[in-house]
Every structure is written in structure tokens, then in C-alpha cells.
Amino acid sequence: VLAITEEIRDGIVKGLPAADLLGIAEKQGYITMKEDAVLKV
């Protein structure tokens, strides 16, 4: 789940590339589906 924080929203409005948005999200604790699966295992 990607929480649309103010920083993410600003990045979207500025047209940042997806890789940059992902970097911001990861700094905020974003967990990918694969990582979630590993944690549940």
C-alpha cells in the first residue's frame, strides 16, 4: 500500500519519475508486496 503523503503528492504534482517516487516512499517505510510476503513467511 502506497500512502500518499504530502511528499509523495508533491512529487507526483512535479512529475517526478516513478523511481524517484519509490525512493521517497521507501524512506517513509513503504514495503513491497514481495517484502510483505517474506515477512509473513
PDB file of all heavy atoms in Angstrom:
ATOM      1  N   VAL A   1       0.859  -1.182   0.000  1.00  0.00           N
ATOM      2  CA  VAL A   1       0.000   0.000   0.000  1.00  0.00           C
ATOM      3  C   VAL A   1       0.893   1.229   0.000  1.00  0.00           C
ATOM      4  O   VAL A   1       1.783   1.353   0.849  1.00  0.00           O
ATOM      5  CB  VAL A   1      -0.919   0.024   1.242  1.00  0.00           C
ATOM      6  CG1 VAL A   1      -1.743   1.302   1.273  1.00  0.00           C
ATOM      7  CG2 VAL A   1      -1.806  -1.203   1.279  1.00  0.00           C
ATOM      8  N   LEU A   2       0.662   2.097  -0.939  1.00  0.00           N
ATOM      9  CA  LEU A   2       1.427   3.340  -1.007  1.00  0.00           C
ATOM     10  C   LEU A   2       0.592   4.447  -0.381  1.00  0.00           C
ATOM     11  O   LEU A   2      -0.451   4.837  -0.916  1.00  0.00           O
ATOM     12  CB  LEU A   2       1.772   3.700  -2.455  1.00  0.00           C
ATOM     13  CG  LEU A   2       2.474   5.039  -2.655  1.00  0.00           C
ATOM     14  CD1 LEU A   2       3.823   5.046  -1.925  1.00  0.00           C
ATOM     15  CD2 LEU A   2       2.663   5.334  -4.128  1.00  0.00           C
ATOM     16  N   ALA A   3       1.018   4.915   0.772  1.00  0.00           N
ATOM     17  CA  ALA A   3       0.350   6.038   1.431  1.00  0.00           C
ATOM     18  C   ALA A   3       0.745   7.315   0.692  1.00  0.00           C
ATOM     19  O   ALA A   3       1.929   7.585   0.485  1.00  0.00           O
ATOM     20  CB  ALA A   3       0.770   6.117   2.887  1.00  0.00           C
ATOM     21  N   ILE A   4      -0.259   8.061   0.281  1.00  0.00           N
ATOM     22  CA  ILE A   4       0.016   9.308  -0.436  1.00  0.00           C
ATOM     23  C   ILE A   4       0.243  10.412   0.592  1.00  0.00           C
ATOM     24  O   ILE A   4      -0.671  11.101   1.018  1.00  0.00           O
ATOM     25  CB  ILE A   4      -1.136   9.672  -1.411  1.00  0.00           C
ATOM     26  CG1 ILE A   4      -1.422   8.520  -2.367  1.00  0.00           C
ATOM     27  CG2 ILE A   4      -0.799  10.951  -2.180  1.00  0.00           C
ATOM     28  CD1 ILE A   4      -0.249   8.137  -3.264  1.00  0.00           C
ATOM     29  N   THR A   5       1.492  10.536   0.987  1.00  0.00           N
ATOM     30  CA  THR A   5       1.880  11.573   1.938  1.00  0.00           C
ATOM     31  C   THR A   5       2.049  12.887   1.182  1.00  0.00           C
ATOM     32  O   THR A   5       2.019  12.930  -0.056  1.00  0.00           O
ATOM     33  CB  THR A   5       3.202  11.204   2.623  1.00  0.00           C
ATOM     34  OG1 THR A   5       4.230  11.139   1.619  1.00  0.00           O
ATOM     35  CG2 THR A   5       3.104   9.863   3.348  1.00  0.00           C
ATOM     36  N   GLU A   6       2.252  13.930   1.930  1.00  0.00           N
ATOM     37  CA  GLU A   6       2.452  15.243   1.304  1.00  0.00           C
ATOM     38  C   GLU A   6       3.669  15.220   0.375  1.00  0.00           C
ATOM     39  O   GLU A   6       3.632  15.771  -0.730  1.00  0.00           O
ATOM     40  CB  GLU A   6       2.621  16.313   2.383  1.00  0.00           C
ATOM     41  CG  GLU A   6       2.614  17.720   1.833  1.00  0.00           C
ATOM     42  CD  GLU A   6       2.603  18.773   2.931  1.00  0.00           C
ATOM     43  OE1 GLU A   6       2.046  18.509   4.016  1.00  0.00           O
ATOM     44  OE2 GLU A   6       3.159  19.852   2.683  1.00  0.00           O
ATOM     45  N   GLU A   7       4.736  14.557   0.806  1.00  0.00           N
ATOM     46  CA  GLU A   7       5.957  14.494  -0.014  1.00  0.00           C
ATOM     47  C   GLU A   7       5.716  13.700  -1.300  1.00  0.00           C
ATOM     48  O   GLU A   7       6.183  14.091  -2.374  1.00  0.00           O
ATOM     49  CB  GLU A   7       7.088  13.870   0.802  1.00  0.00           C
ATOM     50  CG  GLU A   7       8.455  14.086   0.188  1.00  0.00           C
ATOM     51  CD  GLU A   7       9.580  13.599   1.099  1.00  0.00           C
ATOM     52  OE1 GLU A   7       9.313  13.119   2.218  1.00  0.00           O
ATOM     53  OE2 GLU A   7      10.735  13.691   0.659  1.00  0.00           O
ATOM     54  N   ILE A   8       4.974  12.610  -1.206  1.00  0.00           N
ATOM     55  CA  ILE A   8       4.646  11.813  -2.400  1.00  0.00           C
ATOM     56  C   ILE A   8       3.755  12.640  -3.329  1.00  0.00           C
ATOM     57  O   ILE A   8       3.966  12.686  -4.545  1.00  0.00           O
ATOM     58  CB  ILE A   8       3.949  10.489  -2.011  1.00  0.00           C
ATOM     59  CG1 ILE A   8       4.893   9.572  -1.232  1.00  0.00           C
ATOM     60  CG2 ILE A   8       3.371   9.784  -3.233  1.00  0.00           C
ATOM     61  CD1 ILE A   8       5.960   8.898  -2.057  1.00  0.00           C
ATOM     62  N   ARG A   9       2.748  13.290  -2.746  1.00  0.00           N
ATOM     63  CA  ARG A   9       1.831  14.104  -3.549  1.00  0.00           C
ATOM     64  C   ARG A   9       2.591  15.208  -4.283  1.00  0.00           C
ATOM     65  O   ARG A   9       2.377  15.436  -5.472  1.00  0.00           O
ATOM     66  CB  ARG A   9       0.743  14.700  -2.652  1.00  0.00           C
ATOM     67  CG  ARG A   9      -0.303  15.495  -3.406  1.00  0.00           C
ATOM     68  CD  ARG A   9      -1.459  16.030  -2.562  1.00  0.00           C
ATOM     69  NE  ARG A   9      -1.156  16.319  -1.181  1.00  0.00           N
ATOM     70  CZ  ARG A   9      -1.583  15.600  -0.138  1.00  0.00           C
ATOM     71  NH1 ARG A   9      -2.341  14.543  -0.336  1.00  0.00           N
ATOM     72  NH2 ARG A   9      -1.266  15.942   1.099  1.00  0.00           N
ATOM     73  N   ASP A  10       3.517  15.866  -3.576  1.00  0.00           N
ATOM     74  CA  ASP A  10       4.316  16.916  -4.212  1.00  0.00           C
ATOM     75  C   ASP A  10       5.142  16.349  -5.363  1.00  0.00           C
ATOM     76  O   ASP A  10       5.265  16.978  -6.418  1.00  0.00           O
ATOM     77  CB  ASP A  10       5.243  17.587  -3.199  1.00  0.00           C
ATOM     78  CG  ASP A  10       4.501  18.442  -2.189  1.00  0.00           C
ATOM     79  OD1 ASP A  10       3.303  18.738  -2.416  1.00  0.00           O
ATOM     80  OD2 ASP A  10       5.112  18.808  -1.163  1.00  0.00           O
ATOM     81  N   GLY A  11       5.702  15.154  -5.162  1.00  0.00           N
ATOM     82  CA  GLY A  11       6.480  14.518  -6.222  1.00  0.00           C
ATOM     83  C   GLY A  11       5.635  14.178  -7.438  1.00  0.00           C
ATOM     84  O   GLY A  11       6.076  14.339  -8.580  1.00  0.00           O
ATOM     85  N   ILE A  12       4.417  13.726  -7.197  1.00  0.00           N
ATOM     86  CA  ILE A  12       3.500  13.418  -8.308  1.00  0.00           C
ATOM     87  C   ILE A  12       3.163  14.684  -9.068  1.00  0.00           C
ATOM     88  O   ILE A  12       3.206  14.718 -10.303  1.00  0.00           O
ATOM     89  CB  ILE A  12       2.218  12.731  -7.780  1.00  0.00           C
ATOM     90  CG1 ILE A  12       2.554  11.351  -7.226  1.00  0.00           C
ATOM     91  CG2 ILE A  12       1.151  12.652  -8.871  1.00  0.00           C
ATOM     92  CD1 ILE A  12       1.422  10.692  -6.440  1.00  0.00           C
ATOM     93  N   VAL A  13       2.838  15.752  -8.339  1.00  0.00           N
ATOM     94  CA  VAL A  13       2.484  17.033  -8.973  1.00  0.00           C
ATOM     95  C   VAL A  13       3.652  17.567  -9.794  1.00  0.00           C
ATOM     96  O   VAL A  13       3.469  18.099 -10.893  1.00  0.00           O
ATOM     97  CB  VAL A  13       2.037  18.063  -7.910  1.00  0.00           C
ATOM     98  CG1 VAL A  13       1.908  19.454  -8.498  1.00  0.00           C
ATOM     99  CG2 VAL A  13       0.723  17.628  -7.270  1.00  0.00           C
ATOM    100  N   LYS A  14       4.880  17.379  -9.294  1.00  0.00           N
ATOM    101  CA  LYS A  14       6.074  17.847 -10.008  1.00  0.00           C
ATOM    102  C   LYS A  14       6.428  16.944 -11.188  1.00  0.00           C
ATOM    103  O   LYS A  14       7.310  17.269 -11.976  1.00  0.00           O
ATOM    104  CB  LYS A  14       7.262  17.920  -9.057  1.00  0.00           C
ATOM    105  CG  LYS A  14       7.157  19.009  -8.025  1.00  0.00           C
ATOM    106  CD  LYS A  14       8.343  18.965  -7.072  1.00  0.00           C
ATOM    107  CE  LYS A  14       8.189  19.990  -5.978  1.00  0.00           C
ATOM    108  NZ  LYS A  14       9.243  19.897  -4.961  1.00  0.00           N
ATOM    109  N   GLY A  15       5.768  15.796 -11.293  1.00  0.00           N
ATOM    110  CA  GLY A  15       6.049  14.876 -12.390  1.00  0.00           C
ATOM    111  C   GLY A  15       7.328  14.083 -12.202  1.00  0.00           C
ATOM    112  O   GLY A  15       7.970  13.695 -13.192  1.00  0.00           O
ATOM    113  N   LEU A  16       7.703  13.810 -10.954  1.00  0.00           N
ATOM    114  CA  LEU A  16       8.913  13.030 -10.711  1.00  0.00           C
ATOM    115  C   LEU A  16       8.780  11.640 -11.318  1.00  0.00           C
ATOM    116  O   LEU A  16       7.682  11.075 -11.357  1.00  0.00           O
ATOM    117  CB  LEU A  16       9.169  12.884  -9.207  1.00  0.00           C
ATOM    118  CG  LEU A  16       9.559  14.129  -8.430  1.00  0.00           C
ATOM    119  CD1 LEU A  16       9.767  13.777  -6.958  1.00  0.00           C
ATOM    120  CD2 LEU A  16      10.817  14.756  -8.992  1.00  0.00           C
ATOM    121  N   PRO A  17       9.881  11.075 -11.791  1.00  0.00           N
ATOM    122  CA  PRO A  17       9.861   9.706 -12.312  1.00  0.00           C
ATOM    123  C   PRO A  17       9.450   8.718 -11.216  1.00  0.00           C
ATOM    124  O   PRO A  17       9.667   8.965 -10.025  1.00  0.00           O
ATOM    125  CB  PRO A  17      11.300   9.452 -12.748  1.00  0.00           C
ATOM    126  CG  PRO A  17      11.955  10.789 -12.815  1.00  0.00           C
ATOM    127  CD  PRO A  17      11.210  11.690 -11.883  1.00  0.00           C
ATOM    128  N   ALA A  18       8.890   7.595 -11.626  1.00  0.00           N
ATOM    129  CA  ALA A  18       8.433   6.570 -10.684  1.00  0.00           C
ATOM    130  C   ALA A  18       9.554   6.118  -9.749  1.00  0.00           C
ATOM    131  O   ALA A  18       9.326   5.876  -8.559  1.00  0.00           O
ATOM    132  CB  ALA A  18       7.854   5.386 -11.444  1.00  0.00           C
ATOM    133  N   ALA A  19      10.765   6.011 -10.274  1.00  0.00           N
ATOM    134  CA  ALA A  19      11.900   5.578  -9.447  1.00  0.00           C
ATOM    135  C   ALA A  19      12.155   6.567  -8.305  1.00  0.00           C
ATOM    136  O   ALA A  19      12.479   6.155  -7.185  1.00  0.00           O
ATOM    137  CB  ALA A  19      13.155   5.422 -10.299  1.00  0.00           C
ATOM    138  N   ASP A  20      12.004   7.840  -8.566  1.00  0.00           N
ATOM    139  CA  ASP A  20      12.188   8.851  -7.520  1.00  0.00           C
ATOM    140  C   ASP A  20      11.069   8.766  -6.485  1.00  0.00           C
ATOM    141  O   ASP A  20      11.312   8.882  -5.283  1.00  0.00           O
ATOM    142  CB  ASP A  20      12.240  10.256  -8.123  1.00  0.00           C
ATOM    143  CG  ASP A  20      13.487  10.505  -8.957  1.00  0.00           C
ATOM    144  OD1 ASP A  20      14.394   9.643  -8.949  1.00  0.00           O
ATOM    145  OD2 ASP A  20      13.553  11.551  -9.625  1.00  0.00           O
ATOM    146  N   LEU A  21       9.841   8.564  -6.955  1.00  0.00           N
ATOM    147  CA  LEU A  21       8.713   8.429  -6.031  1.00  0.00           C
ATOM    148  C   LEU A  21       8.898   7.186  -5.152  1.00  0.00           C
ATOM    149  O   LEU A  21       8.610   7.214  -3.948  1.00  0.00           O
ATOM    150  CB  LEU A  21       7.395   8.338  -6.796  1.00  0.00           C
ATOM    151  CG  LEU A  21       6.984   9.599  -7.555  1.00  0.00           C
ATOM    152  CD1 LEU A  21       5.761   9.317  -8.428  1.00  0.00           C
ATOM    153  CD2 LEU A  21       6.707  10.748  -6.593  1.00  0.00           C
ATOM    154  N   LEU A  22       9.397   6.114  -5.745  1.00  0.00           N
ATOM    155  CA  LEU A  22       9.655   4.897  -4.987  1.00  0.00           C
ATOM    156  C   LEU A  22      10.715   5.145  -3.915  1.00  0.00           C
ATOM    157  O   LEU A  22      10.584   4.678  -2.779  1.00  0.00           O
ATOM    158  CB  LEU A  22      10.095   3.764  -5.921  1.00  0.00           C
ATOM    159  CG  LEU A  22      10.404   2.425  -5.254  1.00  0.00           C
ATOM    160  CD1 LEU A  22       9.191   1.893  -4.510  1.00  0.00           C
ATOM    161  CD2 LEU A  22      10.876   1.421  -6.287  1.00  0.00           C
ATOM    162  N   GLY A  23      11.738   5.891  -4.262  1.00  0.00           N
ATOM    163  CA  GLY A  23      12.778   6.233  -3.287  1.00  0.00           C
ATOM    164  C   GLY A  23      12.224   7.002  -2.105  1.00  0.00           C
ATOM    165  O   GLY A  23      12.569   6.728  -0.948  1.00  0.00           O
ATOM    166  N   ILE A  24      11.334   7.944  -2.376  1.00  0.00           N
ATOM    167  CA  ILE A  24      10.694   8.714  -1.307  1.00  0.00           C
ATOM    168  C   ILE A  24       9.856   7.776  -0.436  1.00  0.00           C
ATOM    169  O   ILE A  24       9.917   7.819   0.790  1.00  0.00           O
ATOM    170  CB  ILE A  24       9.812   9.838  -1.897  1.00  0.00           C
ATOM    171  CG1 ILE A  24      10.667  10.881  -2.618  1.00  0.00           C
ATOM    172  CG2 ILE A  24       8.968  10.496  -0.801  1.00  0.00           C
ATOM    173  CD1 ILE A  24       9.865  11.866  -3.476  1.00  0.00           C
ATOM    174  N   ALA A  25       9.082   6.925  -1.086  1.00  0.00           N
ATOM    175  CA  ALA A  25       8.204   6.002  -0.362  1.00  0.00           C
ATOM    176  C   ALA A  25       9.011   5.056   0.524  1.00  0.00           C
ATOM    177  O   ALA A  25       8.640   4.806   1.670  1.00  0.00           O
ATOM    178  CB  ALA A  25       7.352   5.208  -1.349  1.00  0.00           C
ATOM    179  N   GLU A  26      10.124   4.539   0.006  1.00  0.00           N
ATOM    180  CA  GLU A  26      10.961   3.621   0.789  1.00  0.00           C
ATOM    181  C   GLU A  26      11.519   4.305   2.030  1.00  0.00           C
ATOM    182  O   GLU A  26      11.596   3.695   3.095  1.00  0.00           O
ATOM    183  CB  GLU A  26      12.078   3.058  -0.086  1.00  0.00           C
ATOM    184  CG  GLU A  26      11.577   2.034  -1.087  1.00  0.00           C
ATOM    185  CD  GLU A  26      12.635   1.591  -2.085  1.00  0.00           C
ATOM    186  OE1 GLU A  26      13.658   2.296  -2.251  1.00  0.00           O
ATOM    187  OE2 GLU A  26      12.430   0.531  -2.705  1.00  0.00           O
ATOM    188  N   LYS A  27      11.884   5.566   1.906  1.00  0.00           N
ATOM    189  CA  LYS A  27      12.379   6.317   3.069  1.00  0.00           C
ATOM    190  C   LYS A  27      11.289   6.473   4.120  1.00  0.00           C
ATOM    191  O   LYS A  27      11.579   6.643   5.300  1.00  0.00           O
ATOM    192  CB  LYS A  27      12.886   7.693   2.638  1.00  0.00           C
ATOM    193  CG  LYS A  27      14.197   7.652   1.887  1.00  0.00           C
ATOM    194  CD  LYS A  27      14.611   9.034   1.443  1.00  0.00           C
ATOM    195  CE  LYS A  27      15.835   8.956   0.552  1.00  0.00           C
ATOM    196  NZ  LYS A  27      16.152  10.250  -0.054  1.00  0.00           N
ATOM    197  N   GLN A  28      10.031   6.419   3.690  1.00  0.00           N
ATOM    198  CA  GLN A  28       8.898   6.577   4.603  1.00  0.00           C
ATOM    199  C   GLN A  28       8.373   5.231   5.103  1.00  0.00           C
ATOM    200  O   GLN A  28       7.334   5.175   5.742  1.00  0.00           O
ATOM    201  CB  GLN A  28       7.785   7.363   3.917  1.00  0.00           C
ATOM    202  CG  GLN A  28       8.201   8.773   3.569  1.00  0.00           C
ATOM    203  CD  GLN A  28       7.140   9.538   2.800  1.00  0.00           C
ATOM    204  OE1 GLN A  28       6.116   9.005   2.391  1.00  0.00           O
ATOM    205  NE2 GLN A  28       7.389  10.823   2.593  1.00  0.00           N
ATOM    206  N   GLY A  29       9.086   4.146   4.786  1.00  0.00           N
ATOM    207  CA  GLY A  29       8.700   2.840   5.308  1.00  0.00           C
ATOM    208  C   GLY A  29       7.854   1.984   4.392  1.00  0.00           C
ATOM    209  O   GLY A  29       7.315   0.963   4.816  1.00  0.00           O
ATOM    210  N   TYR A  30       7.748   2.356   3.132  1.00  0.00           N
ATOM    211  CA  TYR A  30       6.982   1.584   2.153  1.00  0.00           C
ATOM    212  C   TYR A  30       7.535   0.164   2.049  1.00  0.00           C
ATOM    213  O   TYR A  30       8.743  -0.037   1.981  1.00  0.00           O
ATOM    214  CB  TYR A  30       7.071   2.282   0.795  1.00  0.00           C
ATOM    215  CG  TYR A  30       6.502   1.532  -0.370  1.00  0.00           C
ATOM    216  CD1 TYR A  30       5.133   1.405  -0.528  1.00  0.00           C
ATOM    217  CD2 TYR A  30       7.326   0.973  -1.334  1.00  0.00           C
ATOM    218  CE1 TYR A  30       4.598   0.736  -1.614  1.00  0.00           C
ATOM    219  CE2 TYR A  30       6.808   0.298  -2.422  1.00  0.00           C
ATOM    220  CZ  TYR A  30       5.438   0.185  -2.552  1.00  0.00           C
ATOM    221  OH  TYR A  30       4.916  -0.482  -3.630  1.00  0.00           O
ATOM    222  N   ILE A  31       6.647  -0.823   2.075  1.00  0.00           N
ATOM    223  CA  ILE A  31       7.028  -2.229   1.964  1.00  0.00           C
ATOM    224  C   ILE A  31       6.390  -2.806   0.712  1.00  0.00           C
ATOM    225  O   ILE A  31       5.176  -2.691   0.513  1.00  0.00           O
ATOM    226  CB  ILE A  31       6.563  -3.022   3.206  1.00  0.00           C
ATOM    227  CG1 ILE A  31       7.259  -2.479   4.446  1.00  0.00           C
ATOM    228  CG2 ILE A  31       6.828  -4.505   3.042  1.00  0.00           C
ATOM    229  CD1 ILE A  31       6.742  -3.067   5.734  1.00  0.00           C
ATOM    230  N   THR A  32       7.199  -3.410  -0.145  1.00  0.00           N
ATOM    231  CA  THR A  32       6.667  -4.006  -1.374  1.00  0.00           C
ATOM    232  C   THR A  32       5.893  -5.287  -1.054  1.00  0.00           C
ATOM    233  O   THR A  32       6.015  -5.854   0.038  1.00  0.00           O
ATOM    234  CB  THR A  32       7.793  -4.366  -2.361  1.00  0.00           C
ATOM    235  OG1 THR A  32       8.566  -5.430  -1.789  1.00  0.00           O
ATOM    236  CG2 THR A  32       8.670  -3.169  -2.686  1.00  0.00           C
ATOM    237  N   MET A  33       5.132  -5.744  -2.014  1.00  0.00           N
ATOM    238  CA  MET A  33       4.367  -6.968  -1.846  1.00  0.00           C
ATOM    239  C   MET A  33       5.295  -8.156  -1.577  1.00  0.00           C
ATOM    240  O   MET A  33       5.005  -9.008  -0.730  1.00  0.00           O
ATOM    241  CB  MET A  33       3.530  -7.214  -3.110  1.00  0.00           C
ATOM    242  CG  MET A  33       2.453  -8.197  -2.965  1.00  0.00           C
ATOM    243  SD  MET A  33       1.404  -8.025  -4.423  1.00  0.00           S
ATOM    244  CE  MET A  33       0.206  -9.254  -4.072  1.00  0.00           C
ATOM    245  N   LYS A  34       6.410  -8.195  -2.264  1.00  0.00           N
ATOM    246  CA  LYS A  34       7.382  -9.270  -2.069  1.00  0.00           C
ATOM    247  C   LYS A  34       7.955  -9.236  -0.654  1.00  0.00           C
ATOM    248  O   LYS A  34       8.078 -10.262   0.009  1.00  0.00           O
ATOM    249  CB  LYS A  34       8.501  -9.136  -3.114  1.00  0.00           C
ATOM    250  CG  LYS A  34       9.436 -10.293  -3.181  1.00  0.00           C
ATOM    251  CD  LYS A  34      10.410 -10.080  -4.344  1.00  0.00           C
ATOM    252  CE  LYS A  34      11.230 -11.301  -4.630  1.00  0.00           C
ATOM    253  NZ  LYS A  34      12.133 -11.099  -5.768  1.00  0.00           N
ATOM    254  N   GLU A  35       8.296  -8.046  -0.181  1.00  0.00           N
ATOM    255  CA  GLU A  35       8.817  -7.905   1.182  1.00  0.00           C
ATOM    256  C   GLU A  35       7.767  -8.313   2.212  1.00  0.00           C
ATOM    257  O   GLU A  35       8.080  -8.972   3.205  1.00  0.00           O
ATOM    258  CB  GLU A  35       9.268  -6.464   1.433  1.00  0.00           C
ATOM    259  CG  GLU A  35      10.494  -6.064   0.645  1.00  0.00           C
ATOM    260  CD  GLU A  35      10.759  -4.566   0.655  1.00  0.00           C
ATOM    261  OE1 GLU A  35       9.818  -3.774   0.839  1.00  0.00           O
ATOM    262  OE2 GLU A  35      11.924  -4.200   0.461  1.00  0.00           O
ATOM    263  N   ASP A  36       6.498  -7.946   1.968  1.00  0.00           N
ATOM    264  CA  ASP A  36       5.416  -8.317   2.871  1.00  0.00           C
ATOM    265  C   ASP A  36       5.271  -9.833   2.937  1.00  0.00           C
ATOM    266  O   ASP A  36       5.082 -10.402   4.018  1.00  0.00           O
ATOM    267  CB  ASP A  36       4.106  -7.663   2.420  1.00  0.00           C
ATOM    268  CG  ASP A  36       2.987  -7.845   3.432  1.00  0.00           C
ATOM    269  OD1 ASP A  36       3.233  -7.663   4.639  1.00  0.00           O
ATOM    270  OD2 ASP A  36       1.855  -8.160   3.012  1.00  0.00           O
ATOM    271  N   ALA A  37       5.386 -10.492   1.791  1.00  0.00           N
ATOM    272  CA  ALA A  37       5.296 -11.954   1.748  1.00  0.00           C
ATOM    273  C   ALA A  37       6.426 -12.580   2.564  1.00  0.00           C
ATOM    274  O   ALA A  37       6.189 -13.504   3.355  1.00  0.00           O
ATOM    275  CB  ALA A  37       5.343 -12.446   0.305  1.00  0.00           C
ATOM    276  N   VAL A  38       7.631 -12.080   2.409  1.00  0.00           N
ATOM    277  CA  VAL A  38       8.780 -12.618   3.156  1.00  0.00           C
ATOM    278  C   VAL A  38       8.569 -12.425   4.661  1.00  0.00           C
ATOM    279  O   VAL A  38       8.810 -13.343   5.451  1.00  0.00           O
ATOM    280  CB  VAL A  38      10.100 -11.954   2.694  1.00  0.00           C
ATOM    281  CG1 VAL A  38      11.244 -12.292   3.632  1.00  0.00           C
ATOM    282  CG2 VAL A  38      10.430 -12.365   1.268  1.00  0.00           C
ATOM    283  N   LEU A  39       8.098 -11.264   5.057  1.00  0.00           N
ATOM    284  CA  LEU A  39       7.850 -11.008   6.479  1.00  0.00           C
ATOM    285  C   LEU A  39       6.801 -11.961   7.044  1.00  0.00           C
ATOM    286  O   LEU A  39       6.921 -12.433   8.175  1.00  0.00           O
ATOM    287  CB  LEU A  39       7.416  -9.551   6.683  1.00  0.00           C
ATOM    288  CG  LEU A  39       8.488  -8.497   6.439  1.00  0.00           C
ATOM    289  CD1 LEU A  39       7.881  -7.099   6.470  1.00  0.00           C
ATOM    290  CD2 LEU A  39       9.611  -8.616   7.453  1.00  0.00           C
ATOM    291  N   LYS A  40       5.783 -12.277   6.250  1.00  0.00           N
ATOM    292  CA  LYS A  40       4.727 -13.181   6.718  1.00  0.00           C
ATOM    293  C   LYS A  40       5.197 -14.626   6.757  1.00  0.00           C
ATOM    294  O   LYS A  40       4.769 -15.394   7.618  1.00  0.00           O
ATOM    295  CB  LYS A  40       3.478 -12.997   5.871  1.00  0.00           C
ATOM    296  CG  LYS A  40       2.827 -11.668   6.241  1.00  0.00           C
ATOM    297  CD  LYS A  40       1.570 -11.357   5.516  1.00  0.00           C
ATOM    298  CE  LYS A  40       1.013 -10.058   6.101  1.00  0.00           C
ATOM    299  NZ  LYS A  40       0.273  -9.283   5.183  1.00  0.00           N
ATOM    300  N   VAL A  41       6.117 -14.991   5.883  1.00  0.00           N
ATOM    301  CA  VAL A  41       6.719 -16.331   5.954  1.00  0.00           C
ATOM    302  C   VAL A  41       7.563 -16.425   7.221  1.00  0.00           C
ATOM    303  O   VAL A  41       7.465 -17.396   7.974  1.00  0.00           O
ATOM    304  CB  VAL A  41       7.566 -16.631   4.696  1.00  0.00           C
ATOM    305  CG1 VAL A  41       8.435 -17.865   4.903  1.00  0.00           C
ATOM    306  CG2 VAL A  41       6.667 -16.810   3.476  1.00  0.00           C
TER     307      VAL A  41
END
